Amino acid sequence: MYLNVESLNRLANKTINTLKGDKALGKNSVIICAGKYYAALDPDESMYYVAFLEGEVLDRFRKRITQFRKNKYRKNNYP
C-alpha cells in the first residue's frame, strides 16, 4: 500500500510541476491519462489524440463528457 501511495504522490507532484510550468508560459493544459501513464498537453494536441479513439475507449470518453456537461463539474471517479 505504501509503495502505491508513494508512487501516486510522485505522479501528482510531477503533474503539478508540469502544469505550473505551462501556466508560467501562459499555456493552457489538458491532462490525458492512460493506465500508469499521463501527459499534460495543450488543448489542440489533446484533441488530436481524442480524434483517434476507438471502440470501448471512445464510448467511455463520450460517457464522461456527457456526464460532465450534465453536471457542470467533473467527478473524480478514478481509482
PDB file of N, CA and C in Angstrom:
ATOM      1  N   MET A   1       0.823  -1.192   0.000  1.00  0.00           N
ATOM      2  CA  MET A   1       0.000   0.000   0.000  1.00  0.00           C
ATOM      3  C   MET A   1       0.867   1.255   0.000  1.00  0.00           C
ATOM      4  N   TYR A   2       1.920   1.243   0.814  1.00  0.00           N
ATOM      5  CA  TYR A   2       2.796   2.413   0.906  1.00  0.00           C
ATOM      6  C   TYR A   2       3.432   2.745  -0.438  1.00  0.00           C
ATOM      7  N   LEU A   3       3.907   1.719  -1.140  1.00  0.00           N
ATOM      8  CA  LEU A   3       4.550   1.952  -2.439  1.00  0.00           C
ATOM      9  C   LEU A   3       3.574   2.568  -3.427  1.00  0.00           C
ATOM     10  N   ASN A   4       2.329   2.096  -3.404  1.00  0.00           N
ATOM     11  CA  ASN A   4       1.321   2.632  -4.304  1.00  0.00           C
ATOM     12  C   ASN A   4       1.045   4.108  -3.984  1.00  0.00           C
ATOM     13  N   VAL A   5       0.895   4.440  -2.703  1.00  0.00           N
ATOM     14  CA  VAL A   5       0.649   5.819  -2.299  1.00  0.00           C
ATOM     15  C   VAL A   5       1.850   6.696  -2.657  1.00  0.00           C
ATOM     16  N   GLU A   6       3.043   6.199  -2.415  1.00  0.00           N
ATOM     17  CA  GLU A   6       4.249   6.951  -2.749  1.00  0.00           C
ATOM     18  C   GLU A   6       4.332   7.196  -4.255  1.00  0.00           C
ATOM     19  N   SER A   7       4.000   6.193  -5.041  1.00  0.00           N
ATOM     20  CA  SER A   7       4.020   6.320  -6.492  1.00  0.00           C
ATOM     21  C   SER A   7       2.996   7.355  -6.957  1.00  0.00           C
ATOM     22  N   LEU A   8       1.793   7.318  -6.385  1.00  0.00           N
ATOM     23  CA  LEU A   8       0.761   8.288  -6.752  1.00  0.00           C
ATOM     24  C   LEU A   8       1.173   9.698  -6.342  1.00  0.00           C
ATOM     25  N   ASN A   9       1.834   9.828  -5.209  1.00  0.00           N
ATOM     26  CA  ASN A   9       2.302  11.127  -4.758  1.00  0.00           C
ATOM     27  C   ASN A   9       3.335  11.706  -5.731  1.00  0.00           C
ATOM     28  N   ARG A  10       4.258  10.874  -6.185  1.00  0.00           N
ATOM     29  CA  ARG A  10       5.264  11.327  -7.166  1.00  0.00           C
ATOM     30  C   ARG A  10       4.583  11.760  -8.459  1.00  0.00           C
ATOM     31  N   LEU A  11       3.600  10.975  -8.919  1.00  0.00           N
ATOM     32  CA  LEU A  11       2.881  11.309 -10.148  1.00  0.00           C
ATOM     33  C   LEU A  11       2.137  12.632  -9.998  1.00  0.00           C
ATOM     34  N   ALA A  12       1.485  12.819  -8.855  1.00  0.00           N
ATOM     35  CA  ALA A  12       0.756  14.070  -8.612  1.00  0.00           C
ATOM     36  C   ALA A  12       1.713  15.255  -8.603  1.00  0.00           C
ATOM     37  N   ASN A  13       2.854  15.132  -7.939  1.00  0.00           N
ATOM     38  CA  ASN A  13       3.831  16.222  -7.901  1.00  0.00           C
ATOM     39  C   ASN A  13       4.379  16.532  -9.285  1.00  0.00           C
ATOM     40  N   LYS A  14       4.638  15.500 -10.070  1.00  0.00           N
ATOM     41  CA  LYS A  14       5.138  15.689 -11.434  1.00  0.00           C
ATOM     42  C   LYS A  14       4.104  16.429 -12.284  1.00  0.00           C
ATOM     43  N   THR A  15       2.843  16.033 -12.136  1.00  0.00           N
ATOM     44  CA  THR A  15       1.766  16.674 -12.888  1.00  0.00           C
ATOM     45  C   THR A  15       1.628  18.137 -12.494  1.00  0.00           C
ATOM     46  N   ILE A  16       1.628  18.400 -11.208  1.00  0.00           N
ATOM     47  CA  ILE A  16       1.504  19.779 -10.714  1.00  0.00           C
ATOM     48  C   ILE A  16       2.661  20.641 -11.214  1.00  0.00           C
ATOM     49  N   ASN A  17       3.865  20.125 -11.167  1.00  0.00           N
ATOM     50  CA  ASN A  17       5.023  20.888 -11.648  1.00  0.00           C
ATOM     51  C   ASN A  17       4.923  21.175 -13.143  1.00  0.00           C
ATOM     52  N   THR A  18       4.454  20.201 -13.909  1.00  0.00           N
ATOM     53  CA  THR A  18       4.275  20.410 -15.348  1.00  0.00           C
ATOM     54  C   THR A  18       3.248  21.496 -15.605  1.00  0.00           C
ATOM     55  N   LEU A  19       2.127  21.431 -14.873  1.00  0.00           N
ATOM     56  CA  LEU A  19       1.073  22.427 -15.063  1.00  0.00           C
ATOM     57  C   LEU A  19       1.531  23.813 -14.629  1.00  0.00           C
ATOM     58  N   LYS A  20       2.306  23.913 -13.552  1.00  0.00           N
ATOM     59  CA  LYS A  20       2.838  25.203 -13.115  1.00  0.00           C
ATOM     60  C   LYS A  20       3.757  25.790 -14.177  1.00  0.00           C
ATOM     61  N   GLY A  21       4.585  24.943 -14.762  1.00  0.00           N
ATOM     62  CA  GLY A  21       5.479  25.409 -15.824  1.00  0.00           C
ATOM     63  C   GLY A  21       4.709  25.898 -17.031  1.00  0.00           C
ATOM     64  N   ASP A  22       3.674  25.163 -17.415  1.00  0.00           N
ATOM     65  CA  ASP A  22       2.841  25.574 -18.552  1.00  0.00           C
ATOM     66  C   ASP A  22       2.127  26.887 -18.255  1.00  0.00           C
ATOM     67  N   LYS A  23       1.599  27.004 -17.040  1.00  0.00           N
ATOM     68  CA  LYS A  23       0.887  28.225 -16.658  1.00  0.00           C
ATOM     69  C   LYS A  23       1.820  29.428 -16.696  1.00  0.00           C
ATOM     70  N   ALA A  24       3.047  29.244 -16.245  1.00  0.00           N
ATOM     71  CA  ALA A  24       4.023  30.332 -16.256  1.00  0.00           C
ATOM     72  C   ALA A  24       4.310  30.804 -17.681  1.00  0.00           C
ATOM     73  N   LEU A  25       4.188  29.888 -18.626  1.00  0.00           N
ATOM     74  CA  LEU A  25       4.414  30.239 -20.034  1.00  0.00           C
ATOM     75  C   LEU A  25       3.152  30.774 -20.701  1.00  0.00           C
ATOM     76  N   GLY A  26       2.045  30.837 -19.931  1.00  0.00           N
ATOM     77  CA  GLY A  26       0.785  31.327 -20.483  1.00  0.00           C
ATOM     78  C   GLY A  26       0.050  30.296 -21.310  1.00  0.00           C
ATOM     79  N   LYS A  27       0.337  29.019 -21.073  1.00  0.00           N
ATOM     80  CA  LYS A  27      -0.290  27.953 -21.844  1.00  0.00           C
ATOM     81  C   LYS A  27      -1.386  27.277 -21.026  1.00  0.00           C
ATOM     82  N   ASN A  28      -2.457  26.888 -21.692  1.00  0.00           N
ATOM     83  CA  ASN A  28      -3.470  26.039 -21.076  1.00  0.00           C
ATOM     84  C   ASN A  28      -3.040  24.594 -21.263  1.00  0.00           C
ATOM     85  N   SER A  29      -3.425  23.739 -20.334  1.00  0.00           N
ATOM     86  CA  SER A  29      -3.042  22.337 -20.417  1.00  0.00           C
ATOM     87  C   SER A  29      -4.229  21.426 -20.174  1.00  0.00           C
ATOM     88  N   VAL A  30      -4.158  20.258 -20.780  1.00  0.00           N
ATOM     89  CA  VAL A  30      -5.135  19.192 -20.574  1.00  0.00           C
ATOM     90  C   VAL A  30      -4.350  17.971 -20.143  1.00  0.00           C
ATOM     91  N   ILE A  31      -4.818  17.310 -19.079  1.00  0.00           N
ATOM     92  CA  ILE A  31      -4.136  16.104 -18.615  1.00  0.00           C
ATOM     93  C   ILE A  31      -4.813  14.900 -19.239  1.00  0.00           C
ATOM     94  N   ILE A  32      -4.031  14.075 -19.916  1.00  0.00           N
ATOM     95  CA  ILE A  32      -4.508  12.840 -20.531  1.00  0.00           C
ATOM     96  C   ILE A  32      -3.877  11.684 -19.754  1.00  0.00           C
ATOM     97  N   CYS A  33      -4.701  10.759 -19.267  1.00  0.00           N
ATOM     98  CA  CYS A  33      -4.209   9.597 -18.524  1.00  0.00           C
ATOM     99  C   CYS A  33      -4.528   8.328 -19.301  1.00  0.00           C
ATOM    100  N   ALA A  34      -3.596   7.402 -19.278  1.00  0.00           N
ATOM    101  CA  ALA A  34      -3.802   6.093 -19.898  1.00  0.00           C
ATOM    102  C   ALA A  34      -3.060   5.069 -19.059  1.00  0.00           C
ATOM    103  N   GLY A  35      -3.814   4.357 -18.242  1.00  0.00           N
ATOM    104  CA  GLY A  35      -3.183   3.372 -17.365  1.00  0.00           C
ATOM    105  C   GLY A  35      -2.258   4.052 -16.382  1.00  0.00           C
ATOM    106  N   LYS A  36      -0.986   3.677 -16.381  1.00  0.00           N
ATOM    107  CA  LYS A  36       0.001   4.260 -15.474  1.00  0.00           C
ATOM    108  C   LYS A  36       0.666   5.506 -16.057  1.00  0.00           C
ATOM    109  N   TYR A  37       0.296   5.882 -17.258  1.00  0.00           N
ATOM    110  CA  TYR A  37       0.967   6.979 -17.943  1.00  0.00           C
ATOM    111  C   TYR A  37       0.077   8.208 -18.007  1.00  0.00           C
ATOM    112  N   TYR A  38       0.685   9.363 -18.106  1.00  0.00           N
ATOM    113  CA  TYR A  38      -0.052  10.602 -18.237  1.00  0.00           C
ATOM    114  C   TYR A  38       0.748  11.562 -19.102  1.00  0.00           C
ATOM    115  N   ALA A  39       0.043  12.580 -19.581  1.00  0.00           N
ATOM    116  CA  ALA A  39       0.705  13.661 -20.309  1.00  0.00           C
ATOM    117  C   ALA A  39      -0.075  14.938 -20.055  1.00  0.00           C
ATOM    118  N   ALA A  40       0.613  16.044 -19.904  1.00  0.00           N
ATOM    119  CA  ALA A  40      -0.010  17.361 -19.825  1.00  0.00           C
ATOM    120  C   ALA A  40       0.217  18.005 -21.195  1.00  0.00           C
ATOM    121  N   LEU A  41      -0.848  18.115 -21.955  1.00  0.00           N
ATOM    122  CA  LEU A  41      -0.755  18.575 -23.338  1.00  0.00           C
ATOM    123  C   LEU A  41      -1.522  19.874 -23.532  1.00  0.00           C
ATOM    124  N   ASP A  42      -1.198  20.598 -24.602  1.00  0.00           N
ATOM    125  CA  ASP A  42      -2.015  21.762 -24.920  1.00  0.00           C
ATOM    126  C   ASP A  42      -3.338  21.257 -25.500  1.00  0.00           C
ATOM    127  N   PRO A  43      -4.397  22.062 -25.436  1.00  0.00           N
ATOM    128  CA  PRO A  43      -5.720  21.587 -25.863  1.00  0.00           C
ATOM    129  C   PRO A  43      -5.773  21.066 -27.299  1.00  0.00           C
ATOM    130  N   ASP A  44      -5.076  21.719 -28.220  1.00  0.00           N
ATOM    131  CA  ASP A  44      -5.099  21.261 -29.610  1.00  0.00           C
ATOM    132  C   ASP A  44      -4.480  19.875 -29.754  1.00  0.00           C
ATOM    133  N   GLU A  45      -3.348  19.677 -29.099  1.00  0.00           N
ATOM    134  CA  GLU A  45      -2.678  18.375 -29.183  1.00  0.00           C
ATOM    135  C   GLU A  45      -3.519  17.286 -28.529  1.00  0.00           C
ATOM    136  N   SER A  46      -4.173  17.612 -27.420  1.00  0.00           N
ATOM    137  CA  SER A  46      -5.004  16.603 -26.748  1.00  0.00           C
ATOM    138  C   SER A  46      -6.177  16.192 -27.635  1.00  0.00           C
ATOM    139  N   MET A  47      -6.753  17.134 -28.365  1.00  0.00           N
ATOM    140  CA  MET A  47      -7.866  16.793 -29.258  1.00  0.00           C
ATOM    141  C   MET A  47      -7.396  15.924 -30.424  1.00  0.00           C
ATOM    142  N   TYR A  48      -6.141  16.079 -30.824  1.00  0.00           N
ATOM    143  CA  TYR A  48      -5.582  15.218 -31.860  1.00  0.00           C
ATOM    144  C   TYR A  48      -5.643  13.756 -31.410  1.00  0.00           C
ATOM    145  N   TYR A  49      -5.264  13.492 -30.158  1.00  0.00           N
ATOM    146  CA  TYR A  49      -5.304  12.123 -29.645  1.00  0.00           C
ATOM    147  C   TYR A  49      -6.734  11.623 -29.480  1.00  0.00           C
ATOM    148  N   VAL A  50      -7.622  12.493 -29.037  1.00  0.00           N
ATOM    149  CA  VAL A  50      -9.033  12.113 -28.871  1.00  0.00           C
ATOM    150  C   VAL A  50      -9.642  11.726 -30.222  1.00  0.00           C
ATOM    151  N   ALA A  51      -9.211  12.389 -31.272  1.00  0.00           N
ATOM    152  CA  ALA A  51      -9.754  12.121 -32.599  1.00  0.00           C
ATOM    153  C   ALA A  51      -9.506  10.679 -33.052  1.00  0.00           C
ATOM    154  N   PHE A  52      -8.517  10.012 -32.483  1.00  0.00           N
ATOM    155  CA  PHE A  52      -8.186   8.656 -32.893  1.00  0.00           C
ATOM    156  C   PHE A  52      -8.671   7.584 -31.921  1.00  0.00           C
ATOM    157  N   LEU A  53      -9.481   7.961 -30.929  1.00  0.00           N
ATOM    158  CA  LEU A  53     -10.034   6.963 -30.018  1.00  0.00           C
ATOM    159  C   LEU A  53     -11.001   6.058 -30.768  1.00  0.00           C
ATOM    160  N   GLU A  54     -11.062   4.805 -30.341  1.00  0.00           N
ATOM    161  CA  GLU A  54     -11.959   3.837 -30.984  1.00  0.00           C
ATOM    162  C   GLU A  54     -12.594   2.939 -29.934  1.00  0.00           C
ATOM    163  N   GLY A  55     -13.672   2.292 -30.316  1.00  0.00           N
ATOM    164  CA  GLY A  55     -14.283   1.236 -29.518  1.00  0.00           C
ATOM    165  C   GLY A  55     -14.677   1.646 -28.106  1.00  0.00           C
ATOM    166  N   GLU A  56     -14.344   0.774 -27.149  1.00  0.00           N
ATOM    167  CA  GLU A  56     -14.733   0.966 -25.751  1.00  0.00           C
ATOM    168  C   GLU A  56     -14.145   2.246 -25.152  1.00  0.00           C
ATOM    169  N   VAL A  57     -12.934   2.578 -25.547  1.00  0.00           N
ATOM    170  CA  VAL A  57     -12.285   3.793 -25.034  1.00  0.00           C
ATOM    171  C   VAL A  57     -13.073   5.028 -25.466  1.00  0.00           C
ATOM    172  N   LEU A  58     -13.477   5.065 -26.716  1.00  0.00           N
ATOM    173  CA  LEU A  58     -14.270   6.183 -27.230  1.00  0.00           C
ATOM    174  C   LEU A  58     -15.617   6.248 -26.515  1.00  0.00           C
ATOM    175  N   ASP A  59     -16.243   5.103 -26.279  1.00  0.00           N
ATOM    176  CA  ASP A  59     -17.523   5.073 -25.563  1.00  0.00           C
ATOM    177  C   ASP A  59     -17.388   5.636 -24.150  1.00  0.00           C
ATOM    178  N   ARG A  60     -16.313   5.239 -23.437  1.00  0.00           N
ATOM    179  CA  ARG A  60     -16.090   5.757 -22.083  1.00  0.00           C
ATOM    180  C   ARG A  60     -15.862   7.269 -22.107  1.00  0.00           C
ATOM    181  N   PHE A  61     -15.094   7.737 -23.079  1.00  0.00           N
ATOM    182  CA  PHE A  61     -14.830   9.164 -23.208  1.00  0.00           C
ATOM    183  C   PHE A  61     -16.135   9.933 -23.430  1.00  0.00           C
ATOM    184  N   ARG A  62     -16.953   9.450 -24.349  1.00  0.00           N
ATOM    185  CA  ARG A  62     -18.225  10.114 -24.636  1.00  0.00           C
ATOM    186  C   ARG A  62     -19.138  10.123 -23.413  1.00  0.00           C
ATOM    187  N   LYS A  63     -19.151   9.010 -22.682  1.00  0.00           N
ATOM    188  CA  LYS A  63     -19.982   8.920 -21.482  1.00  0.00           C
ATOM    189  C   LYS A  63     -19.543   9.951 -20.444  1.00  0.00           C
ATOM    190  N   ARG A  64     -18.225  10.077 -20.236  1.00  0.00           N
ATOM    191  CA  ARG A  64     -17.720  11.041 -19.249  1.00  0.00           C
ATOM    192  C   ARG A  64     -17.977  12.473 -19.674  1.00  0.00           C
ATOM    193  N   ILE A  65     -17.840  12.767 -20.956  1.00  0.00           N
ATOM    194  CA  ILE A  65     -18.108  14.124 -21.443  1.00  0.00           C
ATOM    195  C   ILE A  65     -19.586  14.450 -21.273  1.00  0.00           C
ATOM    196  N   THR A  66     -20.453  13.513 -21.601  1.00  0.00           N
ATOM    197  CA  THR A  66     -21.891  13.725 -21.437  1.00  0.00           C
ATOM    198  C   THR A  66     -22.233  13.970 -19.979  1.00  0.00           C
ATOM    199  N   GLN A  67     -21.665  13.156 -19.087  1.00  0.00           N
ATOM    200  CA  GLN A  67     -21.909  13.316 -17.650  1.00  0.00           C
ATOM    201  C   GLN A  67     -21.387  14.669 -17.165  1.00  0.00           C
ATOM    202  N   PHE A  68     -20.215  15.047 -17.613  1.00  0.00           N
ATOM    203  CA  PHE A  68     -19.625  16.327 -17.230  1.00  0.00           C
ATOM    204  C   PHE A  68     -20.523  17.491 -17.648  1.00  0.00           C
ATOM    205  N   ARG A  69     -21.016  17.435 -18.871  1.00  0.00           N
ATOM    206  CA  ARG A  69     -21.858  18.520 -19.377  1.00  0.00           C
ATOM    207  C   ARG A  69     -23.182  18.605 -18.629  1.00  0.00           C
ATOM    208  N   LYS A  70     -23.720  17.464 -18.217  1.00  0.00           N
ATOM    209  CA  LYS A  70     -24.977  17.461 -17.465  1.00  0.00           C
ATOM    210  C   LYS A  70     -24.791  18.022 -16.067  1.00  0.00           C
ATOM    211  N   ASN A  71     -23.697  17.661 -15.414  1.00  0.00           N
ATOM    212  CA  ASN A  71     -23.462  18.047 -14.019  1.00  0.00           C
ATOM    213  C   ASN A  71     -22.724  19.367 -13.865  1.00  0.00           C
ATOM    214  N   LYS A  72     -22.109  19.845 -14.929  1.00  0.00           N
ATOM    215  CA  LYS A  72     -21.324  21.080 -14.908  1.00  0.00           C
ATOM    216  C   LYS A  72     -20.118  21.018 -13.982  1.00  0.00           C
ATOM    217  N   TYR A  73     -19.735  19.821 -13.603  1.00  0.00           N
ATOM    218  CA  TYR A  73     -18.494  19.630 -12.846  1.00  0.00           C
ATOM    219  C   TYR A  73     -18.001  18.228 -13.099  1.00  0.00           C
ATOM    220  N   ARG A  74     -16.750  18.028 -12.845  1.00  0.00           N
ATOM    221  CA  ARG A  74     -16.099  16.747 -13.130  1.00  0.00           C
ATOM    222  C   ARG A  74     -16.042  15.912 -11.867  1.00  0.00           C
ATOM    223  N   LYS A  75     -16.530  14.695 -11.932  1.00  0.00           N
ATOM    224  CA  LYS A  75     -16.441  13.771 -10.802  1.00  0.00           C
ATOM    225  C   LYS A  75     -15.115  13.038 -10.873  1.00  0.00           C
ATOM    226  N   ASN A  76     -14.430  12.975  -9.755  1.00  0.00           N
ATOM    227  CA  ASN A  76     -13.172  12.253  -9.708  1.00  0.00           C
ATOM    228  C   ASN A  76     -13.464  10.813  -9.321  1.00  0.00           C
ATOM    229  N   ASN A  77     -13.676   9.978 -10.332  1.00  0.00           N
ATOM    230  CA  ASN A  77     -14.026   8.576 -10.069  1.00  0.00           C
ATOM    231  C   ASN A  77     -12.899   7.627 -10.478  1.00  0.00           C
ATOM    232  N   TYR A  78     -11.688   8.141 -10.497  1.00  0.00           N
ATOM    233  CA  TYR A  78     -10.561   7.281 -10.835  1.00  0.00           C
ATOM    234  C   TYR A  78     -10.074   6.560  -9.582  1.00  0.00           C
ATOM    235  N   PRO A  79      -9.589   5.348  -9.744  1.00  0.00           N
ATOM    236  CA  PRO A  79      -9.111   4.598  -8.565  1.00  0.00           C
ATOM    237  C   PRO A  79      -7.915   5.240  -7.899  1.00  0.00           C
TER     238      PRO A  79
END
